[in-house]
Amino acid sequence: MTTDTTHQKLLDQLQQLEDELRSQSLWSAVAPSPEAMASTMPFMYDTLKLHEWLQWVFLPRLRAVVDARGQLPCQSHVHPLAEHEWSQPVAFDKRQLLVLLLGIDDTLNQGGLTPPDATPPH
């Protein structure tokens, strides 16, 4: 898959994720506080719910990379985190969100650049 094809596929998937977050009423017009956004924990786990992190961090950052035609991450494991986070009953239908996150992970894991230390010797 070419870089342009991967970027376009990812943009489409990110839009689908946003649409699903909106349809599940998990999209907020109010941004988290600056203090919450200043978290240094992975996924800002200590200050944001996963759907908030998806909206305010994950989606904007990946869209910015795609818009700049930048290097995509070579690994993504958001789906396993979501499965864990949403393993207990939740007040929304998580099934489609999990499908979309798995697709995004797959796109990034297949289309991101191989890290230099993982390049096989010639």
PDB file of N, CA and C in Angstrom:
ATOM      1  N   MET A   1       0.856  -1.171   0.000  1.00  0.00           N
ATOM      2  CA  MET A   1       0.000   0.000   0.000  1.00  0.00           C
ATOM      3  C   MET A   1       0.906   1.239   0.000  1.00  0.00           C
ATOM      4  N   THR A   2       0.600   2.188  -0.863  1.00  0.00           N
ATOM      5  CA  THR A   2       1.410   3.401  -0.922  1.00  0.00           C
ATOM      6  C   THR A   2       1.112   4.302   0.263  1.00  0.00           C
ATOM      7  N   THR A   3       2.015   5.232   0.503  1.00  0.00           N
ATOM      8  CA  THR A   3       1.824   6.167   1.612  1.00  0.00           C
ATOM      9  C   THR A   3       0.536   6.958   1.434  1.00  0.00           C
ATOM     10  N   ASP A   4       0.278   7.449   0.203  1.00  0.00           N
ATOM     11  CA  ASP A   4      -0.947   8.216  -0.040  1.00  0.00           C
ATOM     12  C   ASP A   4      -2.190   7.372   0.204  1.00  0.00           C
ATOM     13  N   THR A   5      -2.156   6.121  -0.229  1.00  0.00           N
ATOM     14  CA  THR A   5      -3.292   5.223  -0.017  1.00  0.00           C
ATOM     15  C   THR A   5      -3.501   4.967   1.474  1.00  0.00           C
ATOM     16  N   THR A   6      -2.413   4.731   2.190  1.00  0.00           N
ATOM     17  CA  THR A   6      -2.504   4.503   3.636  1.00  0.00           C
ATOM     18  C   THR A   6      -3.045   5.740   4.336  1.00  0.00           C
ATOM     19  N   HIS A   7      -2.535   6.913   3.963  1.00  0.00           N
ATOM     20  CA  HIS A   7      -3.019   8.155   4.574  1.00  0.00           C
ATOM     21  C   HIS A   7      -4.514   8.336   4.322  1.00  0.00           C
ATOM     22  N   GLN A   8      -4.968   8.094   3.091  1.00  0.00           N
ATOM     23  CA  GLN A   8      -6.386   8.272   2.781  1.00  0.00           C
ATOM     24  C   GLN A   8      -7.246   7.254   3.529  1.00  0.00           C
ATOM     25  N   LYS A   9      -6.788   6.009   3.563  1.00  0.00           N
ATOM     26  CA  LYS A   9      -7.526   4.978   4.297  1.00  0.00           C
ATOM     27  C   LYS A   9      -7.644   5.364   5.765  1.00  0.00           C
ATOM     28  N   LEU A  10      -6.547   5.831   6.342  1.00  0.00           N
ATOM     29  CA  LEU A  10      -6.558   6.223   7.748  1.00  0.00           C
ATOM     30  C   LEU A  10      -7.491   7.408   7.979  1.00  0.00           C
ATOM     31  N   LEU A  11      -7.455   8.400   7.097  1.00  0.00           N
ATOM     32  CA  LEU A  11      -8.375   9.543   7.239  1.00  0.00           C
ATOM     33  C   LEU A  11      -9.822   9.073   7.237  1.00  0.00           C
ATOM     34  N   ASP A  12     -10.156   8.156   6.340  1.00  0.00           N
ATOM     35  CA  ASP A  12     -11.518   7.616   6.284  1.00  0.00           C
ATOM     36  C   ASP A  12     -11.872   6.905   7.592  1.00  0.00           C
ATOM     37  N   GLN A  13     -10.940   6.122   8.110  1.00  0.00           N
ATOM     38  CA  GLN A  13     -11.190   5.402   9.362  1.00  0.00           C
ATOM     39  C   GLN A  13     -11.347   6.365  10.536  1.00  0.00           C
ATOM     40  N   LEU A  14     -10.542   7.406  10.568  1.00  0.00           N
ATOM     41  CA  LEU A  14     -10.646   8.390  11.652  1.00  0.00           C
ATOM     42  C   LEU A  14     -11.992   9.097  11.602  1.00  0.00           C
ATOM     43  N   GLN A  15     -12.476   9.399  10.395  1.00  0.00           N
ATOM     44  CA  GLN A  15     -13.790  10.032  10.273  1.00  0.00           C
ATOM     45  C   GLN A  15     -14.892   9.085  10.748  1.00  0.00           C
ATOM     46  N   GLN A  16     -14.765   7.810  10.403  1.00  0.00           N
ATOM     47  CA  GLN A  16     -15.746   6.828  10.870  1.00  0.00           C
ATOM     48  C   GLN A  16     -15.738   6.735  12.394  1.00  0.00           C
ATOM     49  N   LEU A  17     -14.550   6.785  12.986  1.00  0.00           N
ATOM     50  CA  LEU A  17     -14.450   6.750  14.446  1.00  0.00           C
ATOM     51  C   LEU A  17     -15.121   7.974  15.050  1.00  0.00           C
ATOM     52  N   GLU A  18     -14.846   9.150  14.495  1.00  0.00           N
ATOM     53  CA  GLU A  18     -15.508  10.357  14.999  1.00  0.00           C
ATOM     54  C   GLU A  18     -17.022  10.233  14.868  1.00  0.00           C
ATOM     55  N   ASP A  19     -17.491   9.784  13.717  1.00  0.00           N
ATOM     56  CA  ASP A  19     -18.936   9.636  13.502  1.00  0.00           C
ATOM     57  C   ASP A  19     -19.552   8.688  14.525  1.00  0.00           C
ATOM     58  N   GLU A  20     -18.854   7.595  14.820  1.00  0.00           N
ATOM     59  CA  GLU A  20     -19.380   6.623  15.787  1.00  0.00           C
ATOM     60  C   GLU A  20     -19.372   7.193  17.203  1.00  0.00           C
ATOM     61  N   LEU A  21     -18.320   7.907  17.574  1.00  0.00           N
ATOM     62  CA  LEU A  21     -18.298   8.553  18.892  1.00  0.00           C
ATOM     63  C   LEU A  21     -19.470   9.517  19.022  1.00  0.00           C
ATOM     64  N   ARG A  22     -19.743  10.256  17.955  1.00  0.00           N
ATOM     65  CA  ARG A  22     -20.879  11.190  17.968  1.00  0.00           C
ATOM     66  C   ARG A  22     -22.202  10.433  18.086  1.00  0.00           C
ATOM     67  N   SER A  23     -22.356   9.372  17.310  1.00  0.00           N
ATOM     68  CA  SER A  23     -23.626   8.636  17.326  1.00  0.00           C
ATOM     69  C   SER A  23     -23.873   7.964  18.675  1.00  0.00           C
ATOM     70  N   GLN A  24     -22.800   7.670  19.408  1.00  0.00           N
ATOM     71  CA  GLN A  24     -22.925   7.059  20.736  1.00  0.00           C
ATOM     72  C   GLN A  24     -23.020   8.112  21.843  1.00  0.00           C
ATOM     73  N   SER A  25     -23.108   9.387  21.450  1.00  0.00           N
ATOM     74  CA  SER A  25     -23.163  10.514  22.401  1.00  0.00           C
ATOM     75  C   SER A  25     -21.924  10.562  23.296  1.00  0.00           C
ATOM     76  N   LEU A  26     -20.776  10.196  22.727  1.00  0.00           N
ATOM     77  CA  LEU A  26     -19.513  10.241  23.461  1.00  0.00           C
ATOM     78  C   LEU A  26     -18.644  11.409  23.014  1.00  0.00           C
ATOM     79  N   TRP A  27     -19.179  12.269  22.173  1.00  0.00           N
ATOM     80  CA  TRP A  27     -18.453  13.429  21.643  1.00  0.00           C
ATOM     81  C   TRP A  27     -18.853  14.638  22.459  1.00  0.00           C
ATOM     82  N   SER A  28     -17.886  15.415  22.883  1.00  0.00           N
ATOM     83  CA  SER A  28     -18.163  16.569  23.731  1.00  0.00           C
ATOM     84  C   SER A  28     -17.771  17.861  23.031  1.00  0.00           C
ATOM     85  N   ALA A  29     -18.579  18.895  23.237  1.00  0.00           N
ATOM     86  CA  ALA A  29     -18.252  20.223  22.715  1.00  0.00           C
ATOM     87  C   ALA A  29     -17.321  20.962  23.667  1.00  0.00           C
ATOM     88  N   VAL A  30     -17.146  20.426  24.861  1.00  0.00           N
ATOM     89  CA  VAL A  30     -16.334  21.082  25.884  1.00  0.00           C
ATOM     90  C   VAL A  30     -15.014  20.324  26.041  1.00  0.00           C
ATOM     91  N   ALA A  31     -13.923  21.028  25.812  1.00  0.00           N
ATOM     92  CA  ALA A  31     -12.601  20.410  25.930  1.00  0.00           C
ATOM     93  C   ALA A  31     -12.263  20.119  27.392  1.00  0.00           C
ATOM     94  N   PRO A  32     -11.456  19.099  27.623  1.00  0.00           N
ATOM     95  CA  PRO A  32     -10.978  18.847  28.989  1.00  0.00           C
ATOM     96  C   PRO A  32     -10.156  20.037  29.484  1.00  0.00           C
ATOM     97  N   SER A  33     -10.010  20.135  30.775  1.00  0.00           N
ATOM     98  CA  SER A  33      -9.243  21.234  31.362  1.00  0.00           C
ATOM     99  C   SER A  33      -7.782  21.154  30.927  1.00  0.00           C
ATOM    100  N   PRO A  34      -7.081  22.283  30.947  1.00  0.00           N
ATOM    101  CA  PRO A  34      -5.643  22.253  30.640  1.00  0.00           C
ATOM    102  C   PRO A  34      -4.881  21.293  31.559  1.00  0.00           C
ATOM    103  N   GLU A  35      -5.309  21.202  32.812  1.00  0.00           N
ATOM    104  CA  GLU A  35      -4.657  20.287  33.747  1.00  0.00           C
ATOM    105  C   GLU A  35      -4.825  18.838  33.294  1.00  0.00           C
ATOM    106  N   ALA A  36      -6.032  18.495  32.853  1.00  0.00           N
ATOM    107  CA  ALA A  36      -6.278  17.128  32.380  1.00  0.00           C
ATOM    108  C   ALA A  36      -5.447  16.824  31.138  1.00  0.00           C
ATOM    109  N   MET A  37      -5.322  17.802  30.261  1.00  0.00           N
ATOM    110  CA  MET A  37      -4.565  17.612  29.020  1.00  0.00           C
ATOM    111  C   MET A  37      -3.049  17.599  29.258  1.00  0.00           C
ATOM    112  N   ALA A  38      -2.619  18.031  30.419  1.00  0.00           N
ATOM    113  CA  ALA A  38      -1.186  18.074  30.736  1.00  0.00           C
ATOM    114  C   ALA A  38      -0.670  16.750  31.299  1.00  0.00           C
ATOM    115  N   SER A  39      -1.535  15.768  31.423  1.00  0.00           N
ATOM    116  CA  SER A  39      -1.123  14.474  31.961  1.00  0.00           C
ATOM    117  C   SER A  39       0.036  13.900  31.161  1.00  0.00           C
ATOM    118  N   THR A  40       0.941  13.251  31.862  1.00  0.00           N
ATOM    119  CA  THR A  40       2.067  12.591  31.201  1.00  0.00           C
ATOM    120  C   THR A  40       1.896  11.069  31.167  1.00  0.00           C
ATOM    121  N   MET A  41       0.774  10.594  31.670  1.00  0.00           N
ATOM    122  CA  MET A  41       0.496   9.156  31.666  1.00  0.00           C
ATOM    123  C   MET A  41       0.129   8.706  30.253  1.00  0.00           C
ATOM    124  N   PRO A  42       0.475   7.468  29.891  1.00  0.00           N
ATOM    125  CA  PRO A  42       0.040   6.961  28.594  1.00  0.00           C
ATOM    126  C   PRO A  42      -1.483   7.059  28.468  1.00  0.00           C
ATOM    127  N   PHE A  43      -1.933   7.519  27.336  1.00  0.00           N
ATOM    128  CA  PHE A  43      -3.353   7.678  27.043  1.00  0.00           C
ATOM    129  C   PHE A  43      -4.051   8.637  28.014  1.00  0.00           C
ATOM    130  N   MET A  44      -3.247   9.414  28.759  1.00  0.00           N
ATOM    131  CA  MET A  44      -3.784  10.333  29.772  1.00  0.00           C
ATOM    132  C   MET A  44      -4.796   9.602  30.661  1.00  0.00           C
ATOM    133  N   TYR A  45      -4.457   8.358  30.925  1.00  0.00           N
ATOM    134  CA  TYR A  45      -5.335   7.430  31.634  1.00  0.00           C
ATOM    135  C   TYR A  45      -5.782   7.958  32.992  1.00  0.00           C
ATOM    136  N   ASP A  46      -4.954   8.786  33.606  1.00  0.00           N
ATOM    137  CA  ASP A  46      -5.279   9.284  34.945  1.00  0.00           C
ATOM    138  C   ASP A  46      -6.232  10.476  34.930  1.00  0.00           C
ATOM    139  N   THR A  47      -6.428  11.107  33.768  1.00  0.00           N
ATOM    140  CA  THR A  47      -7.256  12.320  33.739  1.00  0.00           C
ATOM    141  C   THR A  47      -8.395  12.283  32.725  1.00  0.00           C
ATOM    142  N   LEU A  48      -8.329  11.391  31.751  1.00  0.00           N
ATOM    143  CA  LEU A  48      -9.361  11.340  30.708  1.00  0.00           C
ATOM    144  C   LEU A  48      -9.940   9.938  30.600  1.00  0.00           C
ATOM    145  N   LYS A  49     -11.208   9.870  30.236  1.00  0.00           N
ATOM    146  CA  LYS A  49     -11.799   8.594  29.851  1.00  0.00           C
ATOM    147  C   LYS A  49     -11.296   8.284  28.447  1.00  0.00           C
ATOM    148  N   LEU A  50     -11.332   7.031  28.061  1.00  0.00           N
ATOM    149  CA  LEU A  50     -10.782   6.644  26.766  1.00  0.00           C
ATOM    150  C   LEU A  50     -11.439   7.407  25.621  1.00  0.00           C
ATOM    151  N   HIS A  51     -12.756   7.549  25.641  1.00  0.00           N
ATOM    152  CA  HIS A  51     -13.411   8.256  24.531  1.00  0.00           C
ATOM    153  C   HIS A  51     -12.993   9.729  24.486  1.00  0.00           C
ATOM    154  N   GLU A  52     -12.677  10.314  25.634  1.00  0.00           N
ATOM    155  CA  GLU A  52     -12.181  11.696  25.640  1.00  0.00           C
ATOM    156  C   GLU A  52     -10.790  11.760  25.023  1.00  0.00           C
ATOM    157  N   TRP A  53      -9.950  10.801  25.362  1.00  0.00           N
ATOM    158  CA  TRP A  53      -8.608  10.757  24.784  1.00  0.00           C
ATOM    159  C   TRP A  53      -8.682  10.567  23.271  1.00  0.00           C
ATOM    160  N   LEU A  54      -9.588   9.700  22.830  1.00  0.00           N
ATOM    161  CA  LEU A  54      -9.758   9.504  21.387  1.00  0.00           C
ATOM    162  C   LEU A  54     -10.130  10.819  20.706  1.00  0.00           C
ATOM    163  N   GLN A  55     -11.078  11.545  21.290  1.00  0.00           N
ATOM    164  CA  GLN A  55     -11.542  12.800  20.689  1.00  0.00           C
ATOM    165  C   GLN A  55     -10.494  13.900  20.731  1.00  0.00           C
ATOM    166  N   TRP A  56      -9.880  14.100  21.872  1.00  0.00           N
ATOM    167  CA  TRP A  56      -9.055  15.295  22.078  1.00  0.00           C
ATOM    168  C   TRP A  56      -7.562  15.086  21.821  1.00  0.00           C
ATOM    169  N   VAL A  57      -7.125  13.827  21.724  1.00  0.00           N
ATOM    170  CA  VAL A  57      -5.696  13.565  21.510  1.00  0.00           C
ATOM    171  C   VAL A  57      -5.475  12.704  20.258  1.00  0.00           C
ATOM    172  N   PHE A  58      -6.018  11.517  20.264  1.00  0.00           N
ATOM    173  CA  PHE A  58      -5.761  10.545  19.202  1.00  0.00           C
ATOM    174  C   PHE A  58      -6.182  11.063  17.828  1.00  0.00           C
ATOM    175  N   LEU A  59      -7.443  11.432  17.693  1.00  0.00           N
ATOM    176  CA  LEU A  59      -7.929  11.904  16.390  1.00  0.00           C
ATOM    177  C   LEU A  59      -7.181  13.141  15.896  1.00  0.00           C
ATOM    178  N   PRO A  60      -7.048  14.200  16.708  1.00  0.00           N
ATOM    179  CA  PRO A  60      -6.342  15.386  16.198  1.00  0.00           C
ATOM    180  C   PRO A  60      -4.880  15.122  15.840  1.00  0.00           C
ATOM    181  N   ARG A  61      -4.196  14.335  16.641  1.00  0.00           N
ATOM    182  CA  ARG A  61      -2.773  14.081  16.362  1.00  0.00           C
ATOM    183  C   ARG A  61      -2.583  13.274  15.084  1.00  0.00           C
ATOM    184  N   LEU A  62      -3.386  12.229  14.915  1.00  0.00           N
ATOM    185  CA  LEU A  62      -3.242  11.437  13.694  1.00  0.00           C
ATOM    186  C   LEU A  62      -3.659  12.234  12.463  1.00  0.00           C
ATOM    187  N   ARG A  63      -4.710  13.024  12.589  1.00  0.00           N
ATOM    188  CA  ARG A  63      -5.112  13.861  11.449  1.00  0.00           C
ATOM    189  C   ARG A  63      -4.019  14.864  11.094  1.00  0.00           C
ATOM    190  N   ALA A  64      -3.358  15.411  12.092  1.00  0.00           N
ATOM    191  CA  ALA A  64      -2.277  16.369  11.833  1.00  0.00           C
ATOM    192  C   ALA A  64      -1.120  15.693  11.097  1.00  0.00           C
ATOM    193  N   VAL A  65      -0.786  14.475  11.486  1.00  0.00           N
ATOM    194  CA  VAL A  65       0.285  13.743  10.805  1.00  0.00           C
ATOM    195  C   VAL A  65      -0.108  13.474   9.353  1.00  0.00           C
ATOM    196  N   VAL A  66      -1.337  13.033   9.143  1.00  0.00           N
ATOM    197  CA  VAL A  66      -1.796  12.745   7.784  1.00  0.00           C
ATOM    198  C   VAL A  66      -1.832  14.023   6.955  1.00  0.00           C
ATOM    199  N   ASP A  67      -2.376  15.100   7.510  1.00  0.00           N
ATOM    200  CA  ASP A  67      -2.457  16.372   6.779  1.00  0.00           C
ATOM    201  C   ASP A  67      -1.082  16.879   6.368  1.00  0.00           C
ATOM    202  N   ALA A  68      -0.084  16.639   7.217  1.00  0.00           N
ATOM    203  CA  ALA A  68       1.286  17.074   6.927  1.00  0.00           C
ATOM    204  C   ALA A  68       2.037  16.045   6.078  1.00  0.00           C
ATOM    205  N   ARG A  69       1.351  14.965   5.712  1.00  0.00           N
ATOM    206  CA  ARG A  69       1.973  13.865   4.988  1.00  0.00           C
ATOM    207  C   ARG A  69       3.200  13.351   5.737  1.00  0.00           C
ATOM    208  N   GLY A  70       3.053  13.321   7.064  1.00  0.00           N
ATOM    209  CA  GLY A  70       4.150  12.905   7.925  1.00  0.00           C
ATOM    210  C   GLY A  70       4.226  11.398   8.077  1.00  0.00           C
ATOM    211  N   GLN A  71       5.210  10.979   8.838  1.00  0.00           N
ATOM    212  CA  GLN A  71       5.421   9.560   9.113  1.00  0.00           C
ATOM    213  C   GLN A  71       4.397   9.086  10.131  1.00  0.00           C
ATOM    214  N   LEU A  72       3.662   8.065   9.765  1.00  0.00           N
ATOM    215  CA  LEU A  72       2.679   7.483  10.675  1.00  0.00           C
ATOM    216  C   LEU A  72       3.385   6.618  11.712  1.00  0.00           C
ATOM    217  N   PRO A  73       2.761   6.440  12.866  1.00  0.00           N
ATOM    218  CA  PRO A  73       3.338   5.519  13.851  1.00  0.00           C
ATOM    219  C   PRO A  73       3.454   4.121  13.237  1.00  0.00           C
ATOM    220  N   CYS A  74       4.472   3.393  13.623  1.00  0.00           N
ATOM    221  CA  CYS A  74       4.658   2.043  13.079  1.00  0.00           C
ATOM    222  C   CYS A  74       3.947   0.997  13.931  1.00  0.00           C
ATOM    223  N   GLN A  75       3.439   1.405  15.079  1.00  0.00           N
ATOM    224  CA  GLN A  75       2.693   0.497  15.951  1.00  0.00           C
ATOM    225  C   GLN A  75       1.529   1.240  16.575  1.00  0.00           C
ATOM    226  N   SER A  76       0.420   0.542  16.680  1.00  0.00           N
ATOM    227  CA  SER A  76      -0.739   1.082  17.386  1.00  0.00           C
ATOM    228  C   SER A  76      -1.439  -0.071  18.086  1.00  0.00           C
ATOM    229  N   HIS A  77      -1.767   0.146  19.342  1.00  0.00           N
ATOM    230  CA  HIS A  77      -2.425  -0.891  20.139  1.00  0.00           C
ATOM    231  C   HIS A  77      -3.558  -0.276  20.960  1.00  0.00           C
ATOM    232  N   VAL A  78      -4.360   0.551  20.304  1.00  0.00           N
ATOM    233  CA  VAL A  78      -5.485   1.186  20.990  1.00  0.00           C
ATOM    234  C   VAL A  78      -6.615   0.181  21.197  1.00  0.00           C
ATOM    235  N   HIS A  79      -6.816  -0.719  20.250  1.00  0.00           N
ATOM    236  CA  HIS A  79      -7.895  -1.700  20.368  1.00  0.00           C
ATOM    237  C   HIS A  79      -7.789  -2.537  21.648  1.00  0.00           C
ATOM    238  N   PRO A  80      -6.622  -3.121  21.976  1.00  0.00           N
ATOM    239  CA  PRO A  80      -6.545  -3.894  23.224  1.00  0.00           C
ATOM    240  C   PRO A  80      -6.835  -3.043  24.464  1.00  0.00           C
ATOM    241  N   LEU A  81      -6.401  -1.795  24.432  1.00  0.00           N
ATOM    242  CA  LEU A  81      -6.705  -0.908  25.556  1.00  0.00           C
ATOM    243  C   LEU A  81      -8.210  -0.701  25.669  1.00  0.00           C
ATOM    244  N   ALA A  82      -8.864  -0.469  24.534  1.00  0.00           N
ATOM    245  CA  ALA A  82     -10.313  -0.256  24.544  1.00  0.00           C
ATOM    246  C   ALA A  82     -11.042  -1.511  25.021  1.00  0.00           C
ATOM    247  N   GLU A  83     -10.602  -2.674  24.559  1.00  0.00           N
ATOM    248  CA  GLU A  83     -11.217  -3.921  25.035  1.00  0.00           C
ATOM    249  C   GLU A  83     -11.111  -4.029  26.547  1.00  0.00           C
ATOM    250  N   HIS A  84      -9.950  -3.704  27.078  1.00  0.00           N
ATOM    251  CA  HIS A  84      -9.751  -3.756  28.527  1.00  0.00           C
ATOM    252  C   HIS A  84     -10.609  -2.699  29.229  1.00  0.00           C
ATOM    253  N   GLU A  85     -10.530  -1.477  28.737  1.00  0.00           N
ATOM    254  CA  GLU A  85     -11.250  -0.361  29.360  1.00  0.00           C
ATOM    255  C   GLU A  85     -12.757  -0.598  29.361  1.00  0.00           C
ATOM    256  N   TRP A  86     -13.258  -1.154  28.282  1.00  0.00           N
ATOM    257  CA  TRP A  86     -14.699  -1.343  28.137  1.00  0.00           C
ATOM    258  C   TRP A  86     -15.124  -2.785  28.424  1.00  0.00           C
ATOM    259  N   SER A  87     -14.315  -3.539  29.166  1.00  0.00           N
ATOM    260  CA  SER A  87     -14.656  -4.930  29.465  1.00  0.00           C
ATOM    261  C   SER A  87     -15.838  -5.030  30.425  1.00  0.00           C
ATOM    262  N   GLN A  88     -16.014  -4.025  31.242  1.00  0.00           N
ATOM    263  CA  GLN A  88     -17.169  -3.969  32.138  1.00  0.00           C
ATOM    264  C   GLN A  88     -18.350  -3.363  31.376  1.00  0.00           C
ATOM    265  N   PRO A  89     -19.560  -3.549  31.851  1.00  0.00           N
ATOM    266  CA  PRO A  89     -20.707  -2.938  31.170  1.00  0.00           C
ATOM    267  C   PRO A  89     -20.539  -1.419  31.064  1.00  0.00           C
ATOM    268  N   VAL A  90     -20.868  -0.897  29.901  1.00  0.00           N
ATOM    269  CA  VAL A  90     -20.795   0.538  29.647  1.00  0.00           C
ATOM    270  C   VAL A  90     -22.150   1.014  29.147  1.00  0.00           C
ATOM    271  N   ALA A  91     -22.365   2.320  29.192  1.00  0.00           N
ATOM    272  CA  ALA A  91     -23.665   2.897  28.840  1.00  0.00           C
ATOM    273  C   ALA A  91     -23.777   3.199  27.346  1.00  0.00           C
ATOM    274  N   PHE A  92     -22.978   2.536  26.533  1.00  0.00           N
ATOM    275  CA  PHE A  92     -23.034   2.743  25.088  1.00  0.00           C
ATOM    276  C   PHE A  92     -22.700   1.420  24.406  1.00  0.00           C
ATOM    277  N   ASP A  93     -22.970   1.351  23.113  1.00  0.00           N
ATOM    278  CA  ASP A  93     -22.695   0.139  22.344  1.00  0.00           C
ATOM    279  C   ASP A  93     -21.253   0.192  21.857  1.00  0.00           C
ATOM    280  N   LYS A  94     -20.416  -0.589  22.475  1.00  0.00           N
ATOM    281  CA  LYS A  94     -18.977  -0.543  22.200  1.00  0.00           C
ATOM    282  C   LYS A  94     -18.567  -1.352  20.973  1.00  0.00           C
ATOM    283  N   ARG A  95     -19.441  -2.189  20.450  1.00  0.00           N
ATOM    284  CA  ARG A  95     -19.053  -3.122  19.389  1.00  0.00           C
ATOM    285  C   ARG A  95     -18.462  -2.433  18.164  1.00  0.00           C
ATOM    286  N   GLN A  96     -19.148  -1.434  17.621  1.00  0.00           N
ATOM    287  CA  GLN A  96     -18.648  -0.776  16.414  1.00  0.00           C
ATOM    288  C   GLN A  96     -17.386   0.032  16.715  1.00  0.00           C
ATOM    289  N   LEU A  97     -17.313   0.625  17.888  1.00  0.00           N
ATOM    290  CA  LEU A  97     -16.097   1.352  18.261  1.00  0.00           C
ATOM    291  C   LEU A  97     -14.896   0.411  18.281  1.00  0.00           C
ATOM    292  N   LEU A  98     -15.083  -0.781  18.823  1.00  0.00           N
ATOM    293  CA  LEU A  98     -13.986  -1.752  18.861  1.00  0.00           C
ATOM    294  C   LEU A  98     -13.583  -2.193  17.456  1.00  0.00           C
ATOM    295  N   VAL A  99     -14.562  -2.395  16.585  1.00  0.00           N
ATOM    296  CA  VAL A  99     -14.269  -2.771  15.196  1.00  0.00           C
ATOM    297  C   VAL A  99     -13.452  -1.671  14.522  1.00  0.00           C
ATOM    298  N   LEU A 100     -13.860  -0.421  14.714  1.00  0.00           N
ATOM    299  CA  LEU A 100     -13.154   0.702  14.093  1.00  0.00           C
ATOM    300  C   LEU A 100     -11.739   0.845  14.641  1.00  0.00           C
ATOM    301  N   LEU A 101     -11.577   0.701  15.946  1.00  0.00           N
ATOM    302  CA  LEU A 101     -10.237   0.812  16.535  1.00  0.00           C
ATOM    303  C   LEU A 101      -9.323  -0.316  16.062  1.00  0.00           C
ATOM    304  N   LEU A 102      -9.869  -1.511  15.906  1.00  0.00           N
ATOM    305  CA  LEU A 102      -9.075  -2.620  15.379  1.00  0.00           C
ATOM    306  C   LEU A 102      -8.619  -2.308  13.952  1.00  0.00           C
ATOM    307  N   GLY A 103      -9.509  -1.732  13.149  1.00  0.00           N
ATOM    308  CA  GLY A 103      -9.151  -1.363  11.784  1.00  0.00           C
ATOM    309  C   GLY A 103      -8.061  -0.307  11.737  1.00  0.00           C
ATOM    310  N   ILE A 104      -8.147   0.679  12.609  1.00  0.00           N
ATOM    311  CA  ILE A 104      -7.118   1.728  12.670  1.00  0.00           C
ATOM    312  C   ILE A 104      -5.785   1.125  13.105  1.00  0.00           C
ATOM    313  N   ASP A 105      -5.814   0.285  14.133  1.00  0.00           N
ATOM    314  CA  ASP A 105      -4.584  -0.398  14.556  1.00  0.00           C
ATOM    315  C   ASP A 105      -3.984  -1.178  13.387  1.00  0.00           C
ATOM    316  N   ASP A 106      -4.815  -1.930  12.674  1.00  0.00           N
ATOM    317  CA  ASP A 106      -4.318  -2.728  11.550  1.00  0.00           C
ATOM    318  C   ASP A 106      -3.692  -1.845  10.478  1.00  0.00           C
ATOM    319  N   THR A 107      -4.341  -0.737  10.153  1.00  0.00           N
ATOM    320  CA  THR A 107      -3.803   0.173   9.139  1.00  0.00           C
ATOM    321  C   THR A 107      -2.448   0.714   9.570  1.00  0.00           C
ATOM    322  N   LEU A 108      -2.345   1.148  10.806  1.00  0.00           N
ATOM    323  CA  LEU A 108      -1.078   1.701  11.288  1.00  0.00           C
ATOM    324  C   LEU A 108      -0.001   0.621  11.400  1.00  0.00           C
ATOM    325  N   ASN A 109      -0.369  -0.545  11.874  1.00  0.00           N
ATOM    326  CA  ASN A 109       0.616  -1.610  12.050  1.00  0.00           C
ATOM    327  C   ASN A 109       1.115  -2.157  10.711  1.00  0.00           C
ATOM    328  N   GLN A 110       0.318  -2.033   9.667  1.00  0.00           N
ATOM    329  CA  GLN A 110       0.728  -2.497   8.338  1.00  0.00           C
ATOM    330  C   GLN A 110       1.302  -1.382   7.484  1.00  0.00           C
ATOM    331  N   GLY A 111       0.833  -0.136   7.719  1.00  0.00           N
ATOM    332  CA  GLY A 111       1.217   0.954   6.836  1.00  0.00           C
ATOM    333  C   GLY A 111       2.219   1.923   7.403  1.00  0.00           C
ATOM    334  N   GLY A 112       2.455   1.860   8.713  1.00  0.00           N
ATOM    335  CA  GLY A 112       3.447   2.740   9.316  1.00  0.00           C
ATOM    336  C   GLY A 112       4.845   2.322   8.877  1.00  0.00           C
ATOM    337  N   LEU A 113       5.777   3.194   9.034  1.00  0.00           N
ATOM    338  CA  LEU A 113       7.145   2.879   8.643  1.00  0.00           C
ATOM    339  C   LEU A 113       7.784   1.946   9.659  1.00  0.00           C
ATOM    340  N   THR A 114       8.599   1.054   9.168  1.00  0.00           N
ATOM    341  CA  THR A 114       9.317   0.133  10.040  1.00  0.00           C
ATOM    342  C   THR A 114      10.363   0.904  10.827  1.00  0.00           C
ATOM    343  N   PRO A 115      10.420   0.718  12.142  1.00  0.00           N
ATOM    344  CA  PRO A 115      11.447   1.410  12.911  1.00  0.00           C
ATOM    345  C   PRO A 115      12.833   0.973  12.450  1.00  0.00           C
ATOM    346  N   PRO A 116      13.817   1.877  12.503  1.00  0.00           N
ATOM    347  CA  PRO A 116      15.161   1.563  12.010  1.00  0.00           C
ATOM    348  C   PRO A 116      15.760   0.308  12.627  1.00  0.00           C
ATOM    349  N   ASP A 117      15.538   0.067  13.910  1.00  0.00           N
ATOM    350  CA  ASP A 117      16.145  -1.099  14.557  1.00  0.00           C
ATOM    351  C   ASP A 117      15.459  -2.404  14.164  1.00  0.00           C
ATOM    352  N   ALA A 118      14.330  -2.321  13.455  1.00  0.00           N
ATOM    353  CA  ALA A 118      13.624  -3.527  13.034  1.00  0.00           C
ATOM    354  C   ALA A 118      13.908  -3.874  11.570  1.00  0.00           C
ATOM    355  N   THR A 119      14.725  -3.080  10.908  1.00  0.00           N
ATOM    356  CA  THR A 119      15.046  -3.330   9.509  1.00  0.00           C
ATOM    357  C   THR A 119      15.964  -4.546   9.412  1.00  0.00           C
ATOM    358  N   PRO A 120      15.580  -5.524   8.588  1.00  0.00           N
ATOM    359  CA  PRO A 120      16.426  -6.715   8.488  1.00  0.00           C
ATOM    360  C   PRO A 120      17.764  -6.378   7.841  1.00  0.00           C
ATOM    361  N   PRO A 121      18.821  -7.093   8.215  1.00  0.00           N
ATOM    362  CA  PRO A 121      20.135  -6.832   7.613  1.00  0.00           C
ATOM    363  C   PRO A 121      20.117  -7.210   6.140  1.00  0.00           C
ATOM    364  N   HIS A 122      20.973  -6.551   5.356  1.00  0.00           N
ATOM    365  CA  HIS A 122      21.041  -6.823   3.912  1.00  0.00           C
ATOM    366  C   HIS A 122      21.995  -7.942   3.634  1.00  0.00           C
TER     367      HIS A 122
END
